[in-house]
Amino acid sequence: MNYQEIQNIVNELLPEFGIECTATIRIAGKYDPKTGLSGTEKTTNGQAIITNIDMRYSGQNNLIEVGDQWLLATASLDLQVGSVVHIDGKKYQVIAPNPIKMAKHTILYKAHIRKV
């Protein structure tokens, strides 16, 4: 199976129907007295589509709250729990990244997000 070909299809379709976005995650590290923060930030860029979560399924997952959404995103965003996604002028926090993988290759993310 050619995983790169599947990755290319995802990378063509998401930009066609989605929007550009960035994801930021704080990586643990030493405290910097100049900034008042510990660690560093890692920012990645990609394409994404936001869709609503069907609330009929909210009873199956107690993490889902009213207003939560799904984010279908390119693998280049490298999403993690706690990542903050900036899309269309709004901020969303990643509750669960849910990577969709083929073998060990992440093809895209179907992330559970919450508006910050």
PDB file of N, CA and C in Angstrom:
ATOM      1  N   MET A   1       0.849  -1.184   0.000  1.00  0.00           N
ATOM      2  CA  MET A   1       0.000   0.000   0.000  1.00  0.00           C
ATOM      3  C   MET A   1       0.887   1.238   0.000  1.00  0.00           C
ATOM      4  N   ASN A   2       0.567   2.191  -0.836  1.00  0.00           N
ATOM      5  CA  ASN A   2       1.353   3.414  -0.947  1.00  0.00           C
ATOM      6  C   ASN A   2       0.757   4.489  -0.040  1.00  0.00           C
ATOM      7  N   TYR A   3       1.328   4.634   1.156  1.00  0.00           N
ATOM      8  CA  TYR A   3       0.803   5.587   2.135  1.00  0.00           C
ATOM      9  C   TYR A   3       1.012   7.025   1.686  1.00  0.00           C
ATOM     10  N   GLN A   4       2.098   7.275   0.967  1.00  0.00           N
ATOM     11  CA  GLN A   4       2.369   8.635   0.502  1.00  0.00           C
ATOM     12  C   GLN A   4       1.292   9.092  -0.482  1.00  0.00           C
ATOM     13  N   GLU A   5       0.792   8.184  -1.301  1.00  0.00           N
ATOM     14  CA  GLU A   5      -0.267   8.527  -2.255  1.00  0.00           C
ATOM     15  C   GLU A   5      -1.548   8.914  -1.513  1.00  0.00           C
ATOM     16  N   ILE A   6      -1.880   8.174  -0.464  1.00  0.00           N
ATOM     17  CA  ILE A   6      -3.064   8.495   0.344  1.00  0.00           C
ATOM     18  C   ILE A   6      -2.867   9.834   1.041  1.00  0.00           C
ATOM     19  N   GLN A   7      -1.663  10.056   1.572  1.00  0.00           N
ATOM     20  CA  GLN A   7      -1.342  11.333   2.216  1.00  0.00           C
ATOM     21  C   GLN A   7      -1.492  12.485   1.224  1.00  0.00           C
ATOM     22  N   ASN A   8      -1.062  12.284  -0.010  1.00  0.00           N
ATOM     23  CA  ASN A   8      -1.188  13.321  -1.038  1.00  0.00           C
ATOM     24  C   ASN A   8      -2.647  13.643  -1.339  1.00  0.00           C
ATOM     25  N   ILE A   9      -3.501  12.630  -1.357  1.00  0.00           N
ATOM     26  CA  ILE A   9      -4.933  12.854  -1.598  1.00  0.00           C
ATOM     27  C   ILE A   9      -5.522  13.704  -0.481  1.00  0.00           C
ATOM     28  N   VAL A  10      -5.188  13.374   0.774  1.00  0.00           N
ATOM     29  CA  VAL A  10      -5.660  14.164   1.919  1.00  0.00           C
ATOM     30  C   VAL A  10      -5.160  15.596   1.803  1.00  0.00           C
ATOM     31  N   ASN A  11      -3.883  15.757   1.447  1.00  0.00           N
ATOM     32  CA  ASN A  11      -3.298  17.090   1.339  1.00  0.00           C
ATOM     33  C   ASN A  11      -3.855  17.892   0.170  1.00  0.00           C
ATOM     34  N   GLU A  12      -4.489  17.239  -0.784  1.00  0.00           N
ATOM     35  CA  GLU A  12      -5.158  17.947  -1.880  1.00  0.00           C
ATOM     36  C   GLU A  12      -6.594  18.311  -1.508  1.00  0.00           C
ATOM     37  N   LEU A  13      -7.307  17.385  -0.846  1.00  0.00           N
ATOM     38  CA  LEU A  13      -8.721  17.610  -0.544  1.00  0.00           C
ATOM     39  C   LEU A  13      -8.951  18.611   0.583  1.00  0.00           C
ATOM     40  N   LEU A  14      -8.178  18.530   1.664  1.00  0.00           N
ATOM     41  CA  LEU A  14      -8.396  19.455   2.781  1.00  0.00           C
ATOM     42  C   LEU A  14      -8.178  20.913   2.380  1.00  0.00           C
ATOM     43  N   PRO A  15      -7.134  21.260   1.621  1.00  0.00           N
ATOM     44  CA  PRO A  15      -7.015  22.661   1.198  1.00  0.00           C
ATOM     45  C   PRO A  15      -8.143  23.090   0.256  1.00  0.00           C
ATOM     46  N   GLU A  16      -8.649  22.154  -0.537  1.00  0.00           N
ATOM     47  CA  GLU A  16      -9.725  22.494  -1.475  1.00  0.00           C
ATOM     48  C   GLU A  16     -11.012  22.866  -0.743  1.00  0.00           C
ATOM     49  N   PHE A  17     -11.318  22.160   0.339  1.00  0.00           N
ATOM     50  CA  PHE A  17     -12.572  22.383   1.053  1.00  0.00           C
ATOM     51  C   PHE A  17     -12.383  23.037   2.418  1.00  0.00           C
ATOM     52  N   GLY A  18     -11.153  23.144   2.885  1.00  0.00           N
ATOM     53  CA  GLY A  18     -10.893  23.661   4.227  1.00  0.00           C
ATOM     54  C   GLY A  18     -10.291  25.047   4.231  1.00  0.00           C
ATOM     55  N   ILE A  19      -9.621  25.359   5.340  1.00  0.00           N
ATOM     56  CA  ILE A  19      -9.047  26.678   5.559  1.00  0.00           C
ATOM     57  C   ILE A  19      -7.689  26.506   6.244  1.00  0.00           C
ATOM     58  N   GLU A  20      -6.803  27.471   6.039  1.00  0.00           N
ATOM     59  CA  GLU A  20      -5.491  27.424   6.681  1.00  0.00           C
ATOM     60  C   GLU A  20      -5.629  27.625   8.181  1.00  0.00           C
ATOM     61  N   CYS A  21      -4.766  26.960   8.939  1.00  0.00           N
ATOM     62  CA  CYS A  21      -4.787  27.122  10.392  1.00  0.00           C
ATOM     63  C   CYS A  21      -3.410  26.824  10.964  1.00  0.00           C
ATOM     64  N   THR A  22      -3.226  27.185  12.228  1.00  0.00           N
ATOM     65  CA  THR A  22      -1.987  26.882  12.940  1.00  0.00           C
ATOM     66  C   THR A  22      -2.334  26.197  14.252  1.00  0.00           C
ATOM     67  N   ALA A  23      -1.414  25.397  14.742  1.00  0.00           N
ATOM     68  CA  ALA A  23      -1.576  24.739  16.040  1.00  0.00           C
ATOM     69  C   ALA A  23      -0.346  25.037  16.879  1.00  0.00           C
ATOM     70  N   THR A  24      -0.580  25.371  18.147  1.00  0.00           N
ATOM     71  CA  THR A  24       0.509  25.701  19.059  1.00  0.00           C
ATOM     72  C   THR A  24       0.416  24.811  20.289  1.00  0.00           C
ATOM     73  N   ILE A  25       1.563  24.274  20.695  1.00  0.00           N
ATOM     74  CA  ILE A  25       1.622  23.459  21.908  1.00  0.00           C
ATOM     75  C   ILE A  25       2.828  23.908  22.721  1.00  0.00           C
ATOM     76  N   ARG A  26       2.670  23.966  24.025  1.00  0.00           N
ATOM     77  CA  ARG A  26       3.779  24.328  24.912  1.00  0.00           C
ATOM     78  C   ARG A  26       4.519  23.050  25.284  1.00  0.00           C
ATOM     79  N   ILE A  27       5.827  23.049  25.032  1.00  0.00           N
ATOM     80  CA  ILE A  27       6.681  21.910  25.338  1.00  0.00           C
ATOM     81  C   ILE A  27       7.377  22.186  26.666  1.00  0.00           C
ATOM     82  N   ALA A  28       7.283  21.231  27.584  1.00  0.00           N
ATOM     83  CA  ALA A  28       7.856  21.407  28.920  1.00  0.00           C
ATOM     84  C   ALA A  28       9.353  21.688  28.844  1.00  0.00           C
ATOM     85  N   GLY A  29       9.806  22.513  29.770  1.00  0.00           N
ATOM     86  CA  GLY A  29      11.223  22.855  29.820  1.00  0.00           C
ATOM     87  C   GLY A  29      11.511  23.729  31.021  1.00  0.00           C
ATOM     88  N   LYS A  30      12.685  24.305  31.038  1.00  0.00           N
ATOM     89  CA  LYS A  30      13.105  25.147  32.156  1.00  0.00           C
ATOM     90  C   LYS A  30      12.344  26.469  32.166  1.00  0.00           C
ATOM     91  N   TYR A  31      12.203  27.027  33.351  1.00  0.00           N
ATOM     92  CA  TYR A  31      11.546  28.321  33.537  1.00  0.00           C
ATOM     93  C   TYR A  31      12.447  29.427  33.001  1.00  0.00           C
ATOM     94  N   ASP A  32      11.860  30.341  32.230  1.00  0.00           N
ATOM     95  CA  ASP A  32      12.585  31.489  31.696  1.00  0.00           C
ATOM     96  C   ASP A  32      12.096  32.739  32.415  1.00  0.00           C
ATOM     97  N   PRO A  33      12.921  33.337  33.282  1.00  0.00           N
ATOM     98  CA  PRO A  33      12.475  34.510  34.031  1.00  0.00           C
ATOM     99  C   PRO A  33      12.187  35.723  33.143  1.00  0.00           C
ATOM    100  N   LYS A  34      12.776  35.763  31.948  1.00  0.00           N
ATOM    101  CA  LYS A  34      12.533  36.888  31.034  1.00  0.00           C
ATOM    102  C   LYS A  34      11.100  36.888  30.516  1.00  0.00           C
ATOM    103  N   THR A  35      10.593  35.701  30.183  1.00  0.00           N
ATOM    104  CA  THR A  35       9.235  35.600  29.640  1.00  0.00           C
ATOM    105  C   THR A  35       8.203  35.256  30.702  1.00  0.00           C
ATOM    106  N   GLY A  36       8.667  34.696  31.826  1.00  0.00           N
ATOM    107  CA  GLY A  36       7.741  34.268  32.870  1.00  0.00           C
ATOM    108  C   GLY A  36       7.075  32.944  32.554  1.00  0.00           C
ATOM    109  N   LEU A  37       7.577  32.238  31.534  1.00  0.00           N
ATOM    110  CA  LEU A  37       6.991  30.968  31.112  1.00  0.00           C
ATOM    111  C   LEU A  37       8.020  29.855  31.224  1.00  0.00           C
ATOM    112  N   SER A  38       7.519  28.637  31.330  1.00  0.00           N
ATOM    113  CA  SER A  38       8.424  27.489  31.312  1.00  0.00           C
ATOM    114  C   SER A  38       8.256  26.762  29.990  1.00  0.00           C
ATOM    115  N   GLY A  39       9.360  26.293  29.455  1.00  0.00           N
ATOM    116  CA  GLY A  39       9.313  25.555  28.200  1.00  0.00           C
ATOM    117  C   GLY A  39       9.284  26.464  26.995  1.00  0.00           C
ATOM    118  N   THR A  40       9.021  25.856  25.862  1.00  0.00           N
ATOM    119  CA  THR A  40       8.958  26.590  24.601  1.00  0.00           C
ATOM    120  C   THR A  40       7.660  26.256  23.893  1.00  0.00           C
ATOM    121  N   GLU A  41       7.327  27.066  22.905  1.00  0.00           N
ATOM    122  CA  GLU A  41       6.135  26.799  22.099  1.00  0.00           C
ATOM    123  C   GLU A  41       6.544  26.232  20.753  1.00  0.00           C
ATOM    124  N   LYS A  42       5.772  25.261  20.295  1.00  0.00           N
ATOM    125  CA  LYS A  42       5.971  24.689  18.970  1.00  0.00           C
ATOM    126  C   LYS A  42       4.727  25.030  18.153  1.00  0.00           C
ATOM    127  N   THR A  43       4.923  25.662  17.005  1.00  0.00           N
ATOM    128  CA  THR A  43       3.802  26.040  16.145  1.00  0.00           C
ATOM    129  C   THR A  43       3.921  25.300  14.821  1.00  0.00           C
ATOM    130  N   THR A  44       2.808  24.723  14.378  1.00  0.00           N
ATOM    131  CA  THR A  44       2.764  24.018  13.100  1.00  0.00           C
ATOM    132  C   THR A  44       1.638  24.597  12.256  1.00  0.00           C
ATOM    133  N   ASN A  45       1.746  24.434  10.949  1.00  0.00           N
ATOM    134  CA  ASN A  45       0.747  24.957  10.013  1.00  0.00           C
ATOM    135  C   ASN A  45       0.106  23.817   9.245  1.00  0.00           C
ATOM    136  N   GLY A  46      -1.131  24.030   8.827  1.00  0.00           N
ATOM    137  CA  GLY A  46      -1.822  23.022   8.044  1.00  0.00           C
ATOM    138  C   GLY A  46      -3.156  23.524   7.536  1.00  0.00           C
ATOM    139  N   GLN A  47      -3.974  22.607   7.104  1.00  0.00           N
ATOM    140  CA  GLN A  47      -5.310  22.887   6.584  1.00  0.00           C
ATOM    141  C   GLN A  47      -6.310  22.091   7.404  1.00  0.00           C
ATOM    142  N   ALA A  48      -7.515  22.640   7.559  1.00  0.00           N
ATOM    143  CA  ALA A  48      -8.509  21.937   8.377  1.00  0.00           C
ATOM    144  C   ALA A  48      -9.931  22.299   7.977  1.00  0.00           C
ATOM    145  N   ILE A  49     -10.838  21.450   8.402  1.00  0.00           N
ATOM    146  CA  ILE A  49     -12.280  21.649   8.245  1.00  0.00           C
ATOM    147  C   ILE A  49     -12.907  21.417   9.614  1.00  0.00           C
ATOM    148  N   ILE A  50     -13.800  22.314  10.022  1.00  0.00           N
ATOM    149  CA  ILE A  50     -14.510  22.144  11.293  1.00  0.00           C
ATOM    150  C   ILE A  50     -15.922  21.662  10.999  1.00  0.00           C
ATOM    151  N   THR A  51     -16.346  20.621  11.727  1.00  0.00           N
ATOM    152  CA  THR A  51     -17.717  20.123  11.608  1.00  0.00           C
ATOM    153  C   THR A  51     -18.309  19.975  13.003  1.00  0.00           C
ATOM    154  N   ASN A  52     -19.617  19.937  13.070  1.00  0.00           N
ATOM    155  CA  ASN A  52     -20.295  19.784  14.358  1.00  0.00           C
ATOM    156  C   ASN A  52     -20.323  18.321  14.784  1.00  0.00           C
ATOM    157  N   ILE A  53     -20.323  18.123  16.093  1.00  0.00           N
ATOM    158  CA  ILE A  53     -20.464  16.780  16.655  1.00  0.00           C
ATOM    159  C   ILE A  53     -21.952  16.502  16.809  1.00  0.00           C
ATOM    160  N   ASP A  54     -22.384  15.356  16.346  1.00  0.00           N
ATOM    161  CA  ASP A  54     -23.784  14.966  16.492  1.00  0.00           C
ATOM    162  C   ASP A  54     -24.028  14.639  17.962  1.00  0.00           C
ATOM    163  N   MET A  55     -24.833  15.439  18.634  1.00  0.00           N
ATOM    164  CA  MET A  55     -25.050  15.297  20.076  1.00  0.00           C
ATOM    165  C   MET A  55     -25.778  14.004  20.449  1.00  0.00           C
ATOM    166  N   ARG A  56     -26.302  13.273  19.476  1.00  0.00           N
ATOM    167  CA  ARG A  56     -26.917  11.978  19.784  1.00  0.00           C
ATOM    168  C   ARG A  56     -25.887  11.017  20.362  1.00  0.00           C
ATOM    169  N   TYR A  57     -24.618  11.268  20.056  1.00  0.00           N
ATOM    170  CA  TYR A  57     -23.557  10.379  20.514  1.00  0.00           C
ATOM    171  C   TYR A  57     -22.848  10.906  21.755  1.00  0.00           C
ATOM    172  N   SER A  58     -23.297  12.026  22.301  1.00  0.00           N
ATOM    173  CA  SER A  58     -22.598  12.619  23.445  1.00  0.00           C
ATOM    174  C   SER A  58     -22.670  11.737  24.689  1.00  0.00           C
ATOM    175  N   GLY A  59     -23.690  10.915  24.816  1.00  0.00           N
ATOM    176  CA  GLY A  59     -23.795  10.024  25.961  1.00  0.00           C
ATOM    177  C   GLY A  59     -22.752   8.921  25.943  1.00  0.00           C
ATOM    178  N   GLN A  60     -22.188   8.652  24.767  1.00  0.00           N
ATOM    179  CA  GLN A  60     -21.182   7.607  24.644  1.00  0.00           C
ATOM    180  C   GLN A  60     -19.794   8.095  25.049  1.00  0.00           C
ATOM    181  N   ASN A  61     -19.614   9.400  25.126  1.00  0.00           N
ATOM    182  CA  ASN A  61     -18.304   9.955  25.461  1.00  0.00           C
ATOM    183  C   ASN A  61     -18.526  11.137  26.386  1.00  0.00           C
ATOM    184  N   ASN A  62     -18.192  10.991  27.651  1.00  0.00           N
ATOM    185  CA  ASN A  62     -18.483  12.046  28.609  1.00  0.00           C
ATOM    186  C   ASN A  62     -17.592  13.267  28.447  1.00  0.00           C
ATOM    187  N   LEU A  63     -16.639  13.246  27.517  1.00  0.00           N
ATOM    188  CA  LEU A  63     -15.800  14.414  27.263  1.00  0.00           C
ATOM    189  C   LEU A  63     -16.499  15.440  26.376  1.00  0.00           C
ATOM    190  N   ILE A  64     -17.558  15.046  25.688  1.00  0.00           N
ATOM    191  CA  ILE A  64     -18.237  15.946  24.759  1.00  0.00           C
ATOM    192  C   ILE A  64     -19.173  16.871  25.517  1.00  0.00           C
ATOM    193  N   GLU A  65     -19.036  18.171  25.238  1.00  0.00           N
ATOM    194  CA  GLU A  65     -19.903  19.188  25.819  1.00  0.00           C
ATOM    195  C   GLU A  65     -20.624  19.920  24.696  1.00  0.00           C
ATOM    196  N   VAL A  66     -21.694  20.600  25.036  1.00  0.00           N
ATOM    197  CA  VAL A  66     -22.425  21.388  24.045  1.00  0.00           C
ATOM    198  C   VAL A  66     -21.466  22.412  23.451  1.00  0.00           C
ATOM    199  N   GLY A  67     -21.442  22.518  22.136  1.00  0.00           N
ATOM    200  CA  GLY A  67     -20.567  23.467  21.454  1.00  0.00           C
ATOM    201  C   GLY A  67     -19.263  22.869  20.964  1.00  0.00           C
ATOM    202  N   ASP A  68     -18.933  21.647  21.398  1.00  0.00           N
ATOM    203  CA  ASP A  68     -17.716  20.995  20.920  1.00  0.00           C
ATOM    204  C   ASP A  68     -17.862  20.660  19.442  1.00  0.00           C
ATOM    205  N   GLN A  69     -16.727  20.547  18.762  1.00  0.00           N
ATOM    206  CA  GLN A  69     -16.742  20.275  17.332  1.00  0.00           C
ATOM    207  C   GLN A  69     -15.640  19.290  16.963  1.00  0.00           C
ATOM    208  N   TRP A  70     -15.728  18.781  15.715  1.00  0.00           N
ATOM    209  CA  TRP A  70     -14.680  17.946  15.143  1.00  0.00           C
ATOM    210  C   TRP A  70     -13.812  18.826  14.263  1.00  0.00           C
ATOM    211  N   LEU A  71     -12.529  18.551  14.247  1.00  0.00           N
ATOM    212  CA  LEU A  71     -11.593  19.227  13.362  1.00  0.00           C
ATOM    213  C   LEU A  71     -10.923  18.158  12.516  1.00  0.00           C
ATOM    214  N   LEU A  72     -11.174  18.171  11.220  1.00  0.00           N
ATOM    215  CA  LEU A  72     -10.468  17.283  10.298  1.00  0.00           C
ATOM    216  C   LEU A  72      -9.267  18.071   9.808  1.00  0.00           C
ATOM    217  N   ALA A  73      -8.057  17.597  10.095  1.00  0.00           N
ATOM    218  CA  ALA A  73      -6.858  18.387   9.836  1.00  0.00           C
ATOM    219  C   ALA A  73      -5.744  17.554   9.223  1.00  0.00           C
ATOM    220  N   THR A  74      -4.904  18.231   8.453  1.00  0.00           N
ATOM    221  CA  THR A  74      -3.748  17.573   7.854  1.00  0.00           C
ATOM    222  C   THR A  74      -2.776  17.119   8.940  1.00  0.00           C
ATOM    223  N   ALA A  75      -2.015  16.097   8.635  1.00  0.00           N
ATOM    224  CA  ALA A  75      -1.052  15.542   9.591  1.00  0.00           C
ATOM    225  C   ALA A  75       0.042  16.541   9.948  1.00  0.00           C
ATOM    226  N   SER A  76       0.261  17.536   9.097  1.00  0.00           N
ATOM    227  CA  SER A  76       1.322  18.520   9.349  1.00  0.00           C
ATOM    228  C   SER A  76       1.076  19.340  10.609  1.00  0.00           C
ATOM    229  N   LEU A  77      -0.167  19.377  11.106  1.00  0.00           N
ATOM    230  CA  LEU A  77      -0.456  20.132  12.327  1.00  0.00           C
ATOM    231  C   LEU A  77       0.124  19.466  13.569  1.00  0.00           C
ATOM    232  N   ASP A  78       0.393  18.172  13.515  1.00  0.00           N
ATOM    233  CA  ASP A  78       0.996  17.447  14.645  1.00  0.00           C
ATOM    234  C   ASP A  78       0.253  17.742  15.950  1.00  0.00           C
ATOM    235  N   LEU A  79      -1.056  17.489  15.960  1.00  0.00           N
ATOM    236  CA  LEU A  79      -1.905  17.821  17.107  1.00  0.00           C
ATOM    237  C   LEU A  79      -1.630  16.926  18.307  1.00  0.00           C
ATOM    238  N   GLN A  80      -1.752  17.527  19.493  1.00  0.00           N
ATOM    239  CA  GLN A  80      -1.603  16.819  20.758  1.00  0.00           C
ATOM    240  C   GLN A  80      -2.684  17.320  21.707  1.00  0.00           C
ATOM    241  N   VAL A  81      -2.953  16.558  22.757  1.00  0.00           N
ATOM    242  CA  VAL A  81      -3.905  17.014  23.770  1.00  0.00           C
ATOM    243  C   VAL A  81      -3.388  18.338  24.325  1.00  0.00           C
ATOM    244  N   GLY A  82      -4.251  19.340  24.348  1.00  0.00           N
ATOM    245  CA  GLY A  82      -3.869  20.652  24.864  1.00  0.00           C
ATOM    246  C   GLY A  82      -3.391  21.623  23.809  1.00  0.00           C
ATOM    247  N   SER A  83      -3.162  21.157  22.582  1.00  0.00           N
ATOM    248  CA  SER A  83      -2.776  22.077  21.512  1.00  0.00           C
ATOM    249  C   SER A  83      -3.862  23.124  21.343  1.00  0.00           C
ATOM    250  N   VAL A  84      -3.461  24.335  20.988  1.00  0.00           N
ATOM    251  CA  VAL A  84      -4.423  25.392  20.690  1.00  0.00           C
ATOM    252  C   VAL A  84      -4.380  25.625  19.188  1.00  0.00           C
ATOM    253  N   VAL A  85      -5.539  25.471  18.543  1.00  0.00           N
ATOM    254  CA  VAL A  85      -5.648  25.632  17.099  1.00  0.00           C
ATOM    255  C   VAL A  85      -6.253  27.001  16.810  1.00  0.00           C
ATOM    256  N   HIS A  86      -5.597  27.755  15.943  1.00  0.00           N
ATOM    257  CA  HIS A  86      -6.074  29.066  15.514  1.00  0.00           C
ATOM    258  C   HIS A  86      -6.618  28.896  14.100  1.00  0.00           C
ATOM    259  N   ILE A  87      -7.932  29.086  13.959  1.00  0.00           N
ATOM    260  CA  ILE A  87      -8.560  28.903  12.662  1.00  0.00           C
ATOM    261  C   ILE A  87      -9.648  29.954  12.475  1.00  0.00           C
ATOM    262  N   ASP A  88      -9.577  30.655  11.372  1.00  0.00           N
ATOM    263  CA  ASP A  88     -10.576  31.666  11.018  1.00  0.00           C
ATOM    264  C   ASP A  88     -10.757  32.705  12.132  1.00  0.00           C
ATOM    265  N   GLY A  89      -9.652  33.110  12.764  1.00  0.00           N
ATOM    266  CA  GLY A  89      -9.702  34.130  13.809  1.00  0.00           C
ATOM    267  C   GLY A  89     -10.205  33.652  15.161  1.00  0.00           C
ATOM    268  N   LYS A  90     -10.409  32.355  15.317  1.00  0.00           N
ATOM    269  CA  LYS A  90     -10.908  31.804  16.580  1.00  0.00           C
ATOM    270  C   LYS A  90      -9.901  30.803  17.132  1.00  0.00           C
ATOM    271  N   LYS A  91      -9.960  30.588  18.461  1.00  0.00           N
ATOM    272  CA  LYS A  91      -9.070  29.632  19.119  1.00  0.00           C
ATOM    273  C   LYS A  91      -9.871  28.440  19.620  1.00  0.00           C
ATOM    274  N   TYR A  92      -9.308  27.254  19.420  1.00  0.00           N
ATOM    275  CA  TYR A  92      -9.908  26.018  19.895  1.00  0.00           C
ATOM    276  C   TYR A  92      -8.829  25.198  20.588  1.00  0.00           C
ATOM    277  N   GLN A  93      -9.207  24.527  21.676  1.00  0.00           N
ATOM    278  CA  GLN A  93      -8.271  23.636  22.356  1.00  0.00           C
ATOM    279  C   GLN A  93      -8.572  22.203  21.957  1.00  0.00           C
ATOM    280  N   VAL A  94      -7.522  21.438  21.703  1.00  0.00           N
ATOM    281  CA  VAL A  94      -7.673  20.034  21.338  1.00  0.00           C
ATOM    282  C   VAL A  94      -7.915  19.218  22.602  1.00  0.00           C
ATOM    283  N   ILE A  95      -9.068  18.557  22.660  1.00  0.00           N
ATOM    284  CA  ILE A  95      -9.416  17.683  23.778  1.00  0.00           C
ATOM    285  C   ILE A  95      -8.861  16.282  23.516  1.00  0.00           C
ATOM    286  N   ALA A  96      -9.030  15.799  22.292  1.00  0.00           N
ATOM    287  CA  ALA A  96      -8.509  14.488  21.878  1.00  0.00           C
ATOM    288  C   ALA A  96      -8.092  14.588  20.412  1.00  0.00           C
ATOM    289  N   PRO A  97      -6.818  14.345  20.091  1.00  0.00           N
ATOM    290  CA  PRO A  97      -6.366  14.527  18.709  1.00  0.00           C
ATOM    291  C   PRO A  97      -6.860  13.459  17.730  1.00  0.00           C
ATOM    292  N   ASN A  98      -7.084  12.242  18.168  1.00  0.00           N
ATOM    293  CA  ASN A  98      -7.589  11.147  17.329  1.00  0.00           C
ATOM    294  C   ASN A  98      -6.895  11.058  15.965  1.00  0.00           C
ATOM    295  N   PRO A  99      -5.609  10.720  15.934  1.00  0.00           N
ATOM    296  CA  PRO A  99      -4.936  10.587  14.642  1.00  0.00           C
ATOM    297  C   PRO A  99      -5.477   9.389  13.869  1.00  0.00           C
ATOM    298  N   ILE A 100      -5.691   9.571  12.586  1.00  0.00           N
ATOM    299  CA  ILE A 100      -6.101   8.475  11.712  1.00  0.00           C
ATOM    300  C   ILE A 100      -4.828   7.988  11.039  1.00  0.00           C
ATOM    301  N   LYS A 101      -4.464   6.737  11.333  1.00  0.00           N
ATOM    302  CA  LYS A 101      -3.176   6.216  10.887  1.00  0.00           C
ATOM    303  C   LYS A 101      -3.344   5.017   9.972  1.00  0.00           C
ATOM    304  N   MET A 102      -2.394   4.873   9.081  1.00  0.00           N
ATOM    305  CA  MET A 102      -2.236   3.672   8.279  1.00  0.00           C
ATOM    306  C   MET A 102      -0.849   3.169   8.625  1.00  0.00           C
ATOM    307  N   ALA A 103      -0.798   1.986   9.210  1.00  0.00           N
ATOM    308  CA  ALA A 103       0.447   1.471   9.791  1.00  0.00           C
ATOM    309  C   ALA A 103       0.894   2.488  10.830  1.00  0.00           C
ATOM    310  N   LYS A 104       2.085   3.042  10.717  1.00  0.00           N
ATOM    311  CA  LYS A 104       2.552   4.030  11.695  1.00  0.00           C
ATOM    312  C   LYS A 104       2.497   5.449  11.142  1.00  0.00           C
ATOM    313  N   HIS A 105       1.915   5.632   9.967  1.00  0.00           N
ATOM    314  CA  HIS A 105       1.877   6.939   9.316  1.00  0.00           C
ATOM    315  C   HIS A 105       0.561   7.650   9.617  1.00  0.00           C
ATOM    316  N   THR A 106       0.637   8.830  10.219  1.00  0.00           N
ATOM    317  CA  THR A 106      -0.568   9.626  10.449  1.00  0.00           C
ATOM    318  C   THR A 106      -0.986  10.243   9.123  1.00  0.00           C
ATOM    319  N   ILE A 107      -2.224   9.968   8.715  1.00  0.00           N
ATOM    320  CA  ILE A 107      -2.756  10.477   7.452  1.00  0.00           C
ATOM    321  C   ILE A 107      -3.468  11.806   7.676  1.00  0.00           C
ATOM    322  N   LEU A 108      -4.268  11.884   8.732  1.00  0.00           N
ATOM    323  CA  LEU A 108      -4.960  13.106   9.115  1.00  0.00           C
ATOM    324  C   LEU A 108      -5.434  12.964  10.548  1.00  0.00           C
ATOM    325  N   TYR A 109      -5.989  14.035  11.082  1.00  0.00           N
ATOM    326  CA  TYR A 109      -6.546  14.030  12.438  1.00  0.00           C
ATOM    327  C   TYR A 109      -8.046  14.278  12.371  1.00  0.00           C
ATOM    328  N   LYS A 110      -8.782  13.572  13.207  1.00  0.00           N
ATOM    329  CA  LYS A 110     -10.189  13.879  13.458  1.00  0.00           C
ATOM    330  C   LYS A 110     -10.240  14.255  14.935  1.00  0.00           C
ATOM    331  N   ALA A 111      -9.884  15.508  15.197  1.00  0.00           N
ATOM    332  CA  ALA A 111      -9.688  15.965  16.569  1.00  0.00           C
ATOM    333  C   ALA A 111     -10.977  16.497  17.177  1.00  0.00           C
ATOM    334  N   HIS A 112     -11.159  16.198  18.439  1.00  0.00           N
ATOM    335  CA  HIS A 112     -12.258  16.745  19.242  1.00  0.00           C
ATOM    336  C   HIS A 112     -11.738  18.075  19.791  1.00  0.00           C
ATOM    337  N   ILE A 113     -12.417  19.188  19.434  1.00  0.00           N
ATOM    338  CA  ILE A 113     -11.951  20.512  19.849  1.00  0.00           C
ATOM    339  C   ILE A 113     -13.033  21.269  20.607  1.00  0.00           C
ATOM    340  N   ARG A 114     -12.585  22.237  21.403  1.00  0.00           N
ATOM    341  CA  ARG A 114     -13.498  23.071  22.195  1.00  0.00           C
ATOM    342  C   ARG A 114     -13.040  24.516  22.068  1.00  0.00           C
ATOM    343  N   LYS A 115     -13.994  25.413  21.816  1.00  0.00           N
ATOM    344  CA  LYS A 115     -13.667  26.836  21.674  1.00  0.00           C
ATOM    345  C   LYS A 115     -13.112  27.375  22.987  1.00  0.00           C
ATOM    346  N   VAL A 116     -12.035  28.157  22.889  1.00  0.00           N
ATOM    347  CA  VAL A 116     -11.382  28.725  24.073  1.00  0.00           C
ATOM    348  C   VAL A 116     -11.889  30.139  24.290  1.00  0.00           C
TER     349      VAL A 116
END
